[in-house]
Amino acid sequence: MTTAEEHWDARYAESTRIWSGKPNAALVAEVAGLTPGRALDLGSGEGGDAIWLAQQGWQVTAVDVSPIALGRGKEHAKEAGVEDRIEWQQHELGKTFPDGTFDLVSAQFLHSTIEMPREQILREAAAAVAVGGVLLIEGHLEFPDKSRHEAHADVHFPTPAEVVADVGLDDGHWEVLTAAGHDSVKVIDGKELHYQDGTVKARRLSV
């Protein structure tokens, strides 16, 4: 059986750059105005979000399962001059998780076409948020390119309200700042695709 590391290494090996290198738009929009501190970037890929956070003054722990992705992230961070502000860690989330607490924990599009305990991982992400800190979860509400994912047509993407309930952000210890869907646009193979994503943003009030 293919491991998560093997699966994602194979995906990154398909090209010298999979993602654009730009930070996710939702991250930029939702982090604006936050005081920089310690940030945890879950599923950091090739480092676009981690590098942007470091450029804003955050000290970042960037986590991915793929050594190829982590290696590229390190290279890009060095090129951007922020290598001293990012610590790169390999974890197969659901099995291991970074130590410590953070002022921002970001999970941007933490989806997988192979088995991954997403709800468990997001609960661990919430537990890693320091009092006063922010949890930011961005996820698809549908496949951006449905034609490429016909074999996974039965996949359920949780709504923002479901994420709030599943992660336990309605237990009185959190202030939910955003829990809403929104229109998104993605260009795949030269085609502009319109679809729906969802944002959950919450501030920890107490433990």
N, C-alpha and C. Protein backbone atom coordinates (compact mmCIF):
# COMPACT_ATOMS: atom_id res chain seq x y z
N MET A 1 0.84 -1.19 0.00
CA MET A 1 0.00 0.00 0.00
C MET A 1 0.88 1.25 0.00
N THR A 2 0.52 2.22 -0.81
CA THR A 2 1.29 3.46 -0.91
C THR A 2 1.13 4.28 0.37
N THR A 3 2.23 4.75 0.92
CA THR A 3 2.17 5.59 2.11
C THR A 3 1.86 7.03 1.69
N ALA A 4 1.47 7.86 2.67
CA ALA A 4 1.20 9.27 2.40
C ALA A 4 2.44 9.96 1.86
N GLU A 5 3.60 9.63 2.42
CA GLU A 5 4.85 10.24 1.95
C GLU A 5 5.10 9.88 0.49
N GLU A 6 4.94 8.61 0.16
CA GLU A 6 5.16 8.16 -1.21
C GLU A 6 4.16 8.82 -2.17
N HIS A 7 2.91 8.89 -1.74
CA HIS A 7 1.86 9.49 -2.58
C HIS A 7 2.19 10.94 -2.92
N TRP A 8 2.54 11.72 -1.89
CA TRP A 8 2.77 13.15 -2.13
C TRP A 8 4.13 13.41 -2.77
N ASP A 9 5.11 12.60 -2.48
CA ASP A 9 6.39 12.73 -3.19
C ASP A 9 6.19 12.48 -4.69
N ALA A 10 5.37 11.49 -5.02
CA ALA A 10 5.09 11.21 -6.43
C ALA A 10 4.37 12.38 -7.08
N ARG A 11 3.48 13.00 -6.34
CA ARG A 11 2.75 14.17 -6.87
C ARG A 11 3.71 15.32 -7.13
N TYR A 12 4.60 15.59 -6.19
CA TYR A 12 5.54 16.71 -6.37
C TYR A 12 6.61 16.40 -7.41
N ALA A 13 6.88 15.14 -7.62
CA ALA A 13 7.88 14.75 -8.62
C ALA A 13 7.37 14.94 -10.05
N GLU A 14 6.08 15.17 -10.21
CA GLU A 14 5.50 15.36 -11.54
C GLU A 14 6.00 16.63 -12.21
N SER A 15 6.43 17.61 -11.42
CA SER A 15 6.83 18.90 -11.97
C SER A 15 7.82 19.56 -11.01
N THR A 16 8.60 20.50 -11.54
CA THR A 16 9.54 21.21 -10.67
C THR A 16 8.83 22.23 -9.79
N ARG A 17 7.61 22.60 -10.12
CA ARG A 17 6.79 23.45 -9.27
C ARG A 17 5.33 23.10 -9.49
N ILE A 18 4.66 22.67 -8.42
CA ILE A 18 3.25 22.29 -8.52
C ILE A 18 2.34 23.50 -8.32
N TRP A 19 2.66 24.30 -7.30
CA TRP A 19 1.81 25.44 -6.94
C TRP A 19 2.43 26.73 -7.47
N SER A 20 1.68 27.82 -7.34
CA SER A 20 2.09 29.10 -7.92
C SER A 20 3.23 29.77 -7.16
N GLY A 21 3.41 29.41 -5.89
CA GLY A 21 4.38 30.11 -5.05
C GLY A 21 3.77 31.30 -4.33
N LYS A 22 2.56 31.68 -4.71
CA LYS A 22 1.87 32.79 -4.05
C LYS A 22 1.12 32.26 -2.83
N PRO A 23 0.93 33.10 -1.81
CA PRO A 23 0.16 32.66 -0.64
C PRO A 23 -1.31 32.51 -1.01
N ASN A 24 -2.01 31.65 -0.28
CA ASN A 24 -3.44 31.50 -0.49
C ASN A 24 -4.15 32.81 -0.17
N ALA A 25 -5.09 33.18 -1.03
CA ALA A 25 -5.78 34.47 -0.88
C ALA A 25 -6.51 34.57 0.45
N ALA A 26 -7.10 33.47 0.90
CA ALA A 26 -7.84 33.50 2.17
C ALA A 26 -6.90 33.77 3.33
N LEU A 27 -5.70 33.20 3.28
CA LEU A 27 -4.72 33.44 4.33
C LEU A 27 -4.36 34.92 4.38
N VAL A 28 -4.06 35.51 3.24
CA VAL A 28 -3.69 36.92 3.19
C VAL A 28 -4.82 37.79 3.74
N ALA A 29 -6.05 37.50 3.33
CA ALA A 29 -7.18 38.31 3.75
C ALA A 29 -7.46 38.19 5.25
N GLU A 30 -7.36 36.97 5.78
CA GLU A 30 -7.74 36.74 7.18
C GLU A 30 -6.64 37.05 8.18
N VAL A 31 -5.39 37.01 7.74
CA VAL A 31 -4.27 37.27 8.66
C VAL A 31 -3.95 38.77 8.72
N ALA A 32 -4.38 39.51 7.72
CA ALA A 32 -4.15 40.96 7.73
C ALA A 32 -4.69 41.56 9.03
N GLY A 33 -3.85 42.33 9.71
CA GLY A 33 -4.27 42.96 10.96
C GLY A 33 -3.89 42.19 12.21
N LEU A 34 -3.50 40.92 12.07
CA LEU A 34 -3.06 40.16 13.23
C LEU A 34 -1.62 40.55 13.59
N THR A 35 -1.34 40.59 14.88
CA THR A 35 0.02 40.87 15.33
C THR A 35 0.89 39.64 15.12
N PRO A 36 1.99 39.74 14.40
CA PRO A 36 2.83 38.56 14.15
C PRO A 36 3.36 37.94 15.44
N GLY A 37 3.41 36.63 15.45
CA GLY A 37 3.95 35.87 16.57
C GLY A 37 4.46 34.55 16.03
N ARG A 38 4.07 33.45 16.68
CA ARG A 38 4.46 32.12 16.22
C ARG A 38 3.31 31.54 15.39
N ALA A 39 3.64 31.06 14.20
CA ALA A 39 2.63 30.49 13.31
C ALA A 39 2.97 29.06 12.96
N LEU A 40 1.92 28.25 12.79
CA LEU A 40 2.06 26.87 12.36
C LEU A 40 1.31 26.73 11.04
N ASP A 41 2.01 26.31 10.00
CA ASP A 41 1.44 26.12 8.67
C ASP A 41 1.36 24.63 8.39
N LEU A 42 0.15 24.08 8.40
CA LEU A 42 -0.07 22.65 8.22
C LEU A 42 -0.30 22.34 6.75
N GLY A 43 0.47 21.40 6.21
CA GLY A 43 0.39 21.09 4.79
C GLY A 43 1.00 22.21 3.98
N SER A 44 2.26 22.50 4.29
CA SER A 44 2.92 23.72 3.77
C SER A 44 3.31 23.62 2.30
N GLY A 45 3.29 22.41 1.72
CA GLY A 45 3.62 22.28 0.31
C GLY A 45 4.98 22.86 -0.01
N GLU A 46 5.04 23.65 -1.08
CA GLU A 46 6.30 24.23 -1.52
C GLU A 46 6.63 25.55 -0.83
N GLY A 47 5.83 25.91 0.18
CA GLY A 47 6.22 27.00 1.07
C GLY A 47 5.64 28.37 0.80
N GLY A 48 4.68 28.50 -0.12
CA GLY A 48 4.14 29.82 -0.45
C GLY A 48 3.56 30.54 0.75
N ASP A 49 2.75 29.86 1.55
CA ASP A 49 2.13 30.50 2.72
C ASP A 49 3.17 30.79 3.81
N ALA A 50 4.04 29.81 4.08
CA ALA A 50 5.04 29.98 5.14
C ALA A 50 5.96 31.15 4.83
N ILE A 51 6.37 31.27 3.57
CA ILE A 51 7.27 32.37 3.18
C ILE A 51 6.57 33.71 3.33
N TRP A 52 5.31 33.78 2.90
CA TRP A 52 4.57 35.04 3.04
C TRP A 52 4.42 35.42 4.51
N LEU A 53 4.08 34.46 5.36
CA LEU A 53 3.94 34.74 6.79
C LEU A 53 5.27 35.26 7.36
N ALA A 54 6.37 34.60 6.98
CA ALA A 54 7.68 35.05 7.46
C ALA A 54 7.97 36.47 7.01
N GLN A 55 7.57 36.81 5.81
CA GLN A 55 7.79 38.16 5.30
C GLN A 55 6.97 39.19 6.06
N GLN A 56 5.88 38.76 6.68
CA GLN A 56 5.05 39.67 7.49
C GLN A 56 5.54 39.76 8.93
N GLY A 57 6.59 39.00 9.26
CA GLY A 57 7.15 39.07 10.60
C GLY A 57 6.85 37.90 11.50
N TRP A 58 6.15 36.88 10.99
CA TRP A 58 5.86 35.70 11.79
C TRP A 58 7.07 34.78 11.86
N GLN A 59 7.20 34.06 12.98
CA GLN A 59 8.15 32.96 13.10
C GLN A 59 7.36 31.69 12.82
N VAL A 60 7.72 30.97 11.77
CA VAL A 60 6.84 29.94 11.23
C VAL A 60 7.42 28.54 11.40
N THR A 61 6.54 27.61 11.80
CA THR A 61 6.83 26.19 11.70
C THR A 61 6.01 25.66 10.54
N ALA A 62 6.70 25.18 9.51
CA ALA A 62 6.04 24.70 8.29
C ALA A 62 6.10 23.18 8.25
N VAL A 63 4.95 22.54 8.05
CA VAL A 63 4.84 21.09 8.17
C VAL A 63 4.31 20.49 6.87
N ASP A 64 4.96 19.44 6.41
CA ASP A 64 4.44 18.68 5.28
C ASP A 64 4.93 17.25 5.40
N VAL A 65 4.25 16.33 4.71
CA VAL A 65 4.65 14.92 4.73
C VAL A 65 5.70 14.63 3.66
N SER A 66 5.80 15.48 2.65
CA SER A 66 6.67 15.21 1.51
C SER A 66 8.05 15.85 1.66
N PRO A 67 9.11 15.05 1.70
CA PRO A 67 10.46 15.62 1.73
C PRO A 67 10.76 16.47 0.50
N ILE A 68 10.19 16.09 -0.64
CA ILE A 68 10.42 16.90 -1.84
C ILE A 68 9.84 18.29 -1.66
N ALA A 69 8.60 18.37 -1.17
CA ALA A 69 7.97 19.67 -0.94
C ALA A 69 8.75 20.49 0.07
N LEU A 70 9.17 19.86 1.15
CA LEU A 70 9.92 20.57 2.19
C LEU A 70 11.25 21.10 1.64
N GLY A 71 11.92 20.29 0.82
CA GLY A 71 13.17 20.74 0.22
C GLY A 71 12.96 21.96 -0.67
N ARG A 72 11.89 21.95 -1.45
CA ARG A 72 11.60 23.10 -2.29
C ARG A 72 11.27 24.33 -1.45
N GLY A 73 10.52 24.10 -0.38
CA GLY A 73 10.18 25.22 0.50
C GLY A 73 11.42 25.87 1.07
N LYS A 74 12.36 25.06 1.51
CA LYS A 74 13.61 25.60 2.05
C LYS A 74 14.35 26.43 1.00
N GLU A 75 14.40 25.92 -0.23
CA GLU A 75 15.08 26.65 -1.30
C GLU A 75 14.39 27.98 -1.58
N HIS A 76 13.07 27.97 -1.65
CA HIS A 76 12.33 29.19 -1.93
C HIS A 76 12.46 30.20 -0.79
N ALA A 77 12.49 29.70 0.45
CA ALA A 77 12.65 30.59 1.59
C ALA A 77 14.02 31.26 1.57
N LYS A 78 15.04 30.50 1.18
CA LYS A 78 16.39 31.07 1.07
C LYS A 78 16.42 32.13 0.00
N GLU A 79 15.78 31.86 -1.14
CA GLU A 79 15.72 32.84 -2.22
C GLU A 79 15.01 34.12 -1.77
N ALA A 80 14.01 33.97 -0.90
CA ALA A 80 13.24 35.12 -0.42
C ALA A 80 13.91 35.81 0.76
N GLY A 81 14.99 35.23 1.27
CA GLY A 81 15.71 35.84 2.37
C GLY A 81 15.05 35.69 3.73
N VAL A 82 14.21 34.66 3.89
CA VAL A 82 13.52 34.48 5.18
C VAL A 82 13.78 33.10 5.78
N GLU A 83 14.89 32.47 5.35
CA GLU A 83 15.14 31.09 5.81
C GLU A 83 15.31 31.02 7.33
N ASP A 84 15.75 32.12 7.96
CA ASP A 84 15.96 32.09 9.41
C ASP A 84 14.65 32.26 10.18
N ARG A 85 13.54 32.50 9.50
CA ARG A 85 12.25 32.70 10.17
C ARG A 85 11.33 31.48 10.01
N ILE A 86 11.81 30.42 9.34
CA ILE A 86 10.96 29.26 9.10
C ILE A 86 11.70 27.98 9.53
N GLU A 87 11.02 27.17 10.32
CA GLU A 87 11.50 25.83 10.65
C GLU A 87 10.66 24.82 9.89
N TRP A 88 11.31 23.96 9.13
CA TRP A 88 10.61 22.98 8.31
C TRP A 88 10.59 21.63 9.02
N GLN A 89 9.42 21.05 9.18
CA GLN A 89 9.29 19.77 9.86
C GLN A 89 8.48 18.79 9.02
N GLN A 90 8.94 17.54 8.96
CA GLN A 90 8.20 16.51 8.27
C GLN A 90 7.31 15.77 9.27
N HIS A 91 6.03 15.75 8.99
CA HIS A 91 5.07 15.01 9.80
C HIS A 91 4.02 14.39 8.89
N GLU A 92 3.62 13.17 9.20
CA GLU A 92 2.41 12.63 8.61
C GLU A 92 1.30 12.93 9.60
N LEU A 93 0.59 14.02 9.35
CA LEU A 93 -0.43 14.47 10.28
C LEU A 93 -1.47 13.37 10.47
N GLY A 94 -1.89 13.22 11.70
CA GLY A 94 -2.74 12.10 12.07
C GLY A 94 -1.94 11.04 12.80
N LYS A 95 -0.60 11.06 12.57
CA LYS A 95 0.30 10.15 13.28
C LYS A 95 1.25 10.93 14.19
N THR A 96 1.81 12.02 13.69
CA THR A 96 2.65 12.89 14.52
C THR A 96 2.24 14.33 14.29
N PHE A 97 2.56 15.19 15.26
CA PHE A 97 2.13 16.59 15.21
C PHE A 97 3.21 17.44 15.88
N PRO A 98 3.45 18.65 15.39
CA PRO A 98 4.48 19.51 16.00
C PRO A 98 4.19 19.81 17.47
N ASP A 99 5.25 19.98 18.24
CA ASP A 99 5.11 20.33 19.65
C ASP A 99 4.86 21.83 19.79
N GLY A 100 4.29 22.20 20.93
CA GLY A 100 4.16 23.61 21.28
C GLY A 100 2.80 24.21 20.94
N THR A 101 2.65 25.48 21.30
CA THR A 101 1.44 26.23 20.98
C THR A 101 1.83 27.44 20.12
N PHE A 102 0.82 27.96 19.41
CA PHE A 102 1.09 28.96 18.39
C PHE A 102 0.03 30.06 18.43
N ASP A 103 0.42 31.25 17.97
CA ASP A 103 -0.50 32.37 17.91
C ASP A 103 -1.40 32.29 16.67
N LEU A 104 -0.96 31.54 15.69
CA LEU A 104 -1.76 31.29 14.48
C LEU A 104 -1.50 29.86 14.04
N VAL A 105 -2.57 29.13 13.84
CA VAL A 105 -2.47 27.81 13.24
C VAL A 105 -3.31 27.85 11.96
N SER A 106 -2.66 27.59 10.84
CA SER A 106 -3.32 27.69 9.54
C SER A 106 -3.34 26.33 8.86
N ALA A 107 -4.53 25.92 8.43
CA ALA A 107 -4.71 24.69 7.64
C ALA A 107 -5.42 25.10 6.36
N GLN A 108 -4.64 25.26 5.30
CA GLN A 108 -5.18 25.71 4.02
C GLN A 108 -5.36 24.52 3.09
N PHE A 109 -6.62 24.20 2.79
CA PHE A 109 -6.96 23.12 1.84
C PHE A 109 -6.29 21.80 2.24
N LEU A 110 -6.52 21.42 3.48
CA LEU A 110 -5.96 20.17 3.99
C LEU A 110 -6.87 19.02 3.56
N HIS A 111 -6.77 18.69 2.27
CA HIS A 111 -7.54 17.60 1.68
C HIS A 111 -6.56 16.59 1.09
N SER A 112 -7.04 15.38 0.89
CA SER A 112 -6.20 14.35 0.29
C SER A 112 -7.05 13.34 -0.46
N THR A 113 -6.53 12.85 -1.59
CA THR A 113 -7.24 11.81 -2.34
C THR A 113 -6.92 10.42 -1.81
N ILE A 114 -6.03 10.34 -0.81
CA ILE A 114 -5.85 9.09 -0.08
C ILE A 114 -6.30 9.32 1.35
N GLU A 115 -6.48 8.24 2.08
CA GLU A 115 -7.07 8.34 3.42
C GLU A 115 -6.26 9.25 4.33
N MET A 116 -6.96 10.15 5.00
CA MET A 116 -6.33 11.07 5.94
C MET A 116 -7.36 11.45 7.00
N PRO A 117 -7.03 11.35 8.29
CA PRO A 117 -8.00 11.66 9.35
C PRO A 117 -8.14 13.17 9.56
N ARG A 118 -8.80 13.84 8.63
CA ARG A 118 -8.84 15.31 8.62
C ARG A 118 -9.44 15.89 9.90
N GLU A 119 -10.56 15.33 10.36
CA GLU A 119 -11.20 15.86 11.56
C GLU A 119 -10.25 15.76 12.77
N GLN A 120 -9.58 14.62 12.92
CA GLN A 120 -8.62 14.46 14.02
C GLN A 120 -7.51 15.49 13.92
N ILE A 121 -6.99 15.70 12.71
CA ILE A 121 -5.90 16.65 12.51
C ILE A 121 -6.35 18.06 12.86
N LEU A 122 -7.57 18.43 12.46
CA LEU A 122 -8.05 19.78 12.75
C LEU A 122 -8.30 19.97 14.24
N ARG A 123 -8.68 18.90 14.94
CA ARG A 123 -8.82 19.00 16.40
C ARG A 123 -7.44 19.20 17.05
N GLU A 124 -6.44 18.50 16.54
CA GLU A 124 -5.08 18.69 17.05
C GLU A 124 -4.59 20.10 16.72
N ALA A 125 -4.98 20.61 15.56
CA ALA A 125 -4.62 21.98 15.20
C ALA A 125 -5.23 22.97 16.18
N ALA A 126 -6.50 22.76 16.52
CA ALA A 126 -7.16 23.64 17.48
C ALA A 126 -6.48 23.59 18.84
N ALA A 127 -6.07 22.39 19.26
CA ALA A 127 -5.42 22.24 20.56
C ALA A 127 -4.07 22.95 20.60
N ALA A 128 -3.48 23.21 19.44
CA ALA A 128 -2.17 23.87 19.38
C ALA A 128 -2.25 25.38 19.37
N VAL A 129 -3.45 25.93 19.41
CA VAL A 129 -3.62 27.38 19.41
C VAL A 129 -3.51 27.92 20.84
N ALA A 130 -2.65 28.90 21.04
CA ALA A 130 -2.50 29.53 22.35
C ALA A 130 -3.71 30.39 22.66
N VAL A 131 -3.94 30.64 23.94
CA VAL A 131 -5.02 31.55 24.33
C VAL A 131 -4.78 32.92 23.69
N GLY A 132 -5.80 33.44 23.04
CA GLY A 132 -5.68 34.69 22.31
C GLY A 132 -5.29 34.50 20.86
N GLY A 133 -4.88 33.27 20.52
CA GLY A 133 -4.44 32.97 19.16
C GLY A 133 -5.61 32.63 18.24
N VAL A 134 -5.28 32.45 16.97
CA VAL A 134 -6.29 32.25 15.93
C VAL A 134 -6.07 30.93 15.20
N LEU A 135 -7.16 30.23 14.96
CA LEU A 135 -7.19 29.05 14.11
C LEU A 135 -7.84 29.44 12.80
N LEU A 136 -7.17 29.14 11.69
CA LEU A 136 -7.71 29.46 10.37
C LEU A 136 -7.75 28.19 9.52
N ILE A 137 -8.94 27.81 9.11
CA ILE A 137 -9.15 26.62 8.29
C ILE A 137 -9.82 27.04 7.00
N GLU A 138 -9.17 26.75 5.89
CA GLU A 138 -9.74 27.02 4.57
C GLU A 138 -9.88 25.69 3.84
N GLY A 139 -11.05 25.44 3.29
CA GLY A 139 -11.27 24.17 2.62
C GLY A 139 -12.17 24.30 1.42
N HIS A 140 -12.05 23.34 0.52
CA HIS A 140 -12.96 23.29 -0.61
C HIS A 140 -14.34 22.84 -0.15
N LEU A 141 -15.38 23.34 -0.80
CA LEU A 141 -16.74 22.84 -0.61
C LEU A 141 -17.15 21.95 -1.78
N GLU A 142 -16.29 21.92 -2.80
CA GLU A 142 -16.47 21.05 -3.95
C GLU A 142 -15.13 20.97 -4.67
N PHE A 143 -14.96 19.97 -5.54
CA PHE A 143 -13.73 19.88 -6.31
C PHE A 143 -13.65 21.04 -7.29
N PRO A 144 -12.52 21.77 -7.35
CA PRO A 144 -12.38 22.83 -8.33
C PRO A 144 -12.54 22.33 -9.76
N ASP A 145 -11.96 21.18 -10.06
CA ASP A 145 -12.04 20.60 -11.40
C ASP A 145 -12.69 19.23 -11.28
N LYS A 146 -14.02 19.21 -11.37
CA LYS A 146 -14.76 17.96 -11.13
C LYS A 146 -14.39 16.87 -12.11
N SER A 147 -14.04 17.25 -13.35
CA SER A 147 -13.75 16.24 -14.37
C SER A 147 -12.53 15.41 -14.02
N ARG A 148 -11.61 15.97 -13.22
CA ARG A 148 -10.39 15.25 -12.85
C ARG A 148 -10.62 14.34 -11.65
N HIS A 149 -11.77 14.46 -11.01
CA HIS A 149 -12.00 13.73 -9.76
C HIS A 149 -13.29 12.91 -9.81
N GLU A 150 -13.63 12.39 -10.99
CA GLU A 150 -14.86 11.61 -11.12
C GLU A 150 -14.83 10.38 -10.21
N ALA A 151 -13.67 9.81 -10.00
CA ALA A 151 -13.56 8.62 -9.15
C ALA A 151 -13.84 8.93 -7.68
N HIS A 152 -13.79 10.22 -7.34
CA HIS A 152 -14.02 10.63 -5.94
C HIS A 152 -15.29 11.47 -5.82
N ALA A 153 -16.25 11.22 -6.71
CA ALA A 153 -17.45 12.04 -6.76
C ALA A 153 -18.28 11.96 -5.47
N ASP A 154 -18.09 10.88 -4.69
CA ASP A 154 -18.88 10.71 -3.47
C ASP A 154 -18.23 11.36 -2.25
N VAL A 155 -17.12 12.05 -2.44
CA VAL A 155 -16.43 12.70 -1.32
C VAL A 155 -17.31 13.83 -0.77
N HIS A 156 -17.43 13.88 0.55
CA HIS A 156 -18.18 14.96 1.20
C HIS A 156 -17.22 16.01 1.73
N PHE A 157 -17.40 17.24 1.29
CA PHE A 157 -16.63 18.35 1.81
C PHE A 157 -17.45 19.02 2.90
N PRO A 158 -16.98 19.03 4.15
CA PRO A 158 -17.77 19.62 5.23
C PRO A 158 -17.98 21.11 5.05
N THR A 159 -19.17 21.57 5.39
CA THR A 159 -19.48 23.00 5.36
C THR A 159 -18.76 23.69 6.51
N PRO A 160 -18.62 25.03 6.46
CA PRO A 160 -18.03 25.74 7.60
C PRO A 160 -18.73 25.44 8.92
N ALA A 161 -20.06 25.35 8.90
CA ALA A 161 -20.79 25.05 10.14
C ALA A 161 -20.44 23.66 10.66
N GLU A 162 -20.28 22.71 9.75
CA GLU A 162 -19.89 21.36 10.15
C GLU A 162 -18.48 21.35 10.71
N VAL A 163 -17.57 22.13 10.13
CA VAL A 163 -16.21 22.21 10.65
C VAL A 163 -16.21 22.77 12.07
N VAL A 164 -16.99 23.83 12.29
CA VAL A 164 -17.09 24.42 13.64
C VAL A 164 -17.52 23.36 14.65
N ALA A 165 -18.54 22.57 14.30
CA ALA A 165 -19.05 21.54 15.21
C ALA A 165 -18.06 20.38 15.35
N ASP A 166 -17.50 19.93 14.23
CA ASP A 166 -16.59 18.78 14.26
C ASP A 166 -15.33 19.06 15.06
N VAL A 167 -14.82 20.29 14.97
CA VAL A 167 -13.57 20.65 15.65
C VAL A 167 -13.82 21.07 17.09
N GLY A 168 -15.09 21.33 17.44
CA GLY A 168 -15.42 21.71 18.81
C GLY A 168 -15.23 23.18 19.09
N LEU A 169 -15.41 24.01 18.07
CA LEU A 169 -15.22 25.46 18.24
C LEU A 169 -16.46 26.13 18.82
N ASP A 170 -17.48 25.32 19.15
CA ASP A 170 -18.71 25.83 19.74
C ASP A 170 -18.83 25.44 21.21
N ASP A 171 -17.66 25.17 21.85
CA ASP A 171 -17.68 24.66 23.23
C ASP A 171 -17.53 25.75 24.28
N GLY A 172 -17.56 27.03 23.88
CA GLY A 172 -17.45 28.13 24.83
C GLY A 172 -16.04 28.64 25.03
N HIS A 173 -15.05 27.92 24.52
CA HIS A 173 -13.66 28.34 24.65
C HIS A 173 -13.17 29.13 23.44
N TRP A 174 -14.06 29.33 22.47
CA TRP A 174 -13.68 29.97 21.22
C TRP A 174 -14.66 31.08 20.84
N GLU A 175 -14.15 32.07 20.15
CA GLU A 175 -14.98 33.06 19.48
C GLU A 175 -14.86 32.81 17.98
N VAL A 176 -15.94 32.38 17.36
CA VAL A 176 -15.92 32.13 15.92
C VAL A 176 -16.08 33.46 15.20
N LEU A 177 -15.04 33.84 14.47
CA LEU A 177 -15.01 35.13 13.79
C LEU A 177 -15.58 35.04 12.37
N THR A 178 -15.36 33.92 11.73
CA THR A 178 -15.87 33.69 10.37
C THR A 178 -16.20 32.21 10.22
N ALA A 179 -17.34 31.93 9.62
CA ALA A 179 -17.71 30.56 9.24
C ALA A 179 -18.65 30.69 8.05
N ALA A 180 -18.07 30.77 6.87
CA ALA A 180 -18.87 31.08 5.69
C ALA A 180 -18.24 30.53 4.42
N GLY A 181 -19.08 30.24 3.44
CA GLY A 181 -18.62 29.86 2.12
C GLY A 181 -18.43 31.09 1.26
N HIS A 182 -17.67 30.93 0.19
CA HIS A 182 -17.44 32.05 -0.72
C HIS A 182 -17.04 31.53 -2.09
N ASP A 183 -17.24 32.36 -3.10
CA ASP A 183 -16.86 32.01 -4.46
C ASP A 183 -15.35 32.04 -4.61
N SER A 184 -14.81 31.12 -5.39
CA SER A 184 -13.38 31.09 -5.68
C SER A 184 -13.18 30.87 -7.18
N VAL A 185 -12.01 31.27 -7.65
CA VAL A 185 -11.65 31.08 -9.04
C VAL A 185 -10.27 30.45 -9.10
N LYS A 186 -10.12 29.44 -9.94
CA LYS A 186 -8.83 28.78 -10.09
C LYS A 186 -8.60 28.53 -11.58
N VAL A 187 -7.37 28.73 -12.02
CA VAL A 187 -7.02 28.44 -13.40
C VAL A 187 -6.28 27.11 -13.45
N ILE A 188 -6.87 26.13 -14.14
CA ILE A 188 -6.28 24.80 -14.30
C ILE A 188 -6.20 24.50 -15.78
N ASP A 189 -4.99 24.20 -16.24
CA ASP A 189 -4.77 23.89 -17.65
C ASP A 189 -5.32 24.99 -18.56
N GLY A 190 -5.15 26.23 -18.11
CA GLY A 190 -5.56 27.37 -18.93
C GLY A 190 -7.05 27.69 -18.86
N LYS A 191 -7.81 26.92 -18.08
CA LYS A 191 -9.24 27.15 -17.96
C LYS A 191 -9.55 27.83 -16.62
N GLU A 192 -10.41 28.84 -16.68
CA GLU A 192 -10.83 29.53 -15.46
C GLU A 192 -12.03 28.80 -14.89
N LEU A 193 -11.88 28.26 -13.69
CA LEU A 193 -12.93 27.47 -13.06
C LEU A 193 -13.49 28.20 -11.85
N HIS A 194 -14.80 28.23 -11.74
CA HIS A 194 -15.48 28.89 -10.63
C HIS A 194 -16.08 27.81 -9.72
N TYR A 195 -15.86 27.94 -8.42
CA TYR A 195 -16.32 26.92 -7.49
C TYR A 195 -16.47 27.56 -6.11
N GLN A 196 -16.73 26.75 -5.09
CA GLN A 196 -16.98 27.25 -3.74
C GLN A 196 -15.93 26.73 -2.76
N ASP A 197 -15.43 27.63 -1.92
CA ASP A 197 -14.58 27.28 -0.79
C ASP A 197 -15.25 27.74 0.49
N GLY A 198 -14.71 27.33 1.63
CA GLY A 198 -15.26 27.73 2.91
C GLY A 198 -14.15 28.15 3.87
N THR A 199 -14.42 29.17 4.67
CA THR A 199 -13.47 29.70 5.64
C THR A 199 -14.01 29.57 7.05
N VAL A 200 -13.19 29.06 7.95
CA VAL A 200 -13.49 29.07 9.38
C VAL A 200 -12.32 29.76 10.08
N LYS A 201 -12.63 30.79 10.84
CA LYS A 201 -11.62 31.53 11.59
C LYS A 201 -12.14 31.71 13.01
N ALA A 202 -11.34 31.30 14.00
CA ALA A 202 -11.78 31.38 15.38
C ALA A 202 -10.63 31.77 16.29
N ARG A 203 -10.97 32.54 17.33
CA ARG A 203 -9.97 32.96 18.32
C ARG A 203 -10.19 32.20 19.62
N ARG A 204 -9.10 31.64 20.17
CA ARG A 204 -9.21 30.91 21.43
C ARG A 204 -9.34 31.90 22.59
N LEU A 205 -10.39 31.72 23.38
CA LEU A 205 -10.64 32.60 24.53
C LEU A 205 -10.06 32.02 25.82
N SER A 206 -10.05 30.69 25.93
CA SER A 206 -9.58 30.05 27.15
C SER A 206 -9.29 28.58 26.85
N VAL A 207 -8.69 27.90 27.84
CA VAL A 207 -8.40 26.47 27.67
C VAL A 207 -9.39 25.64 28.47
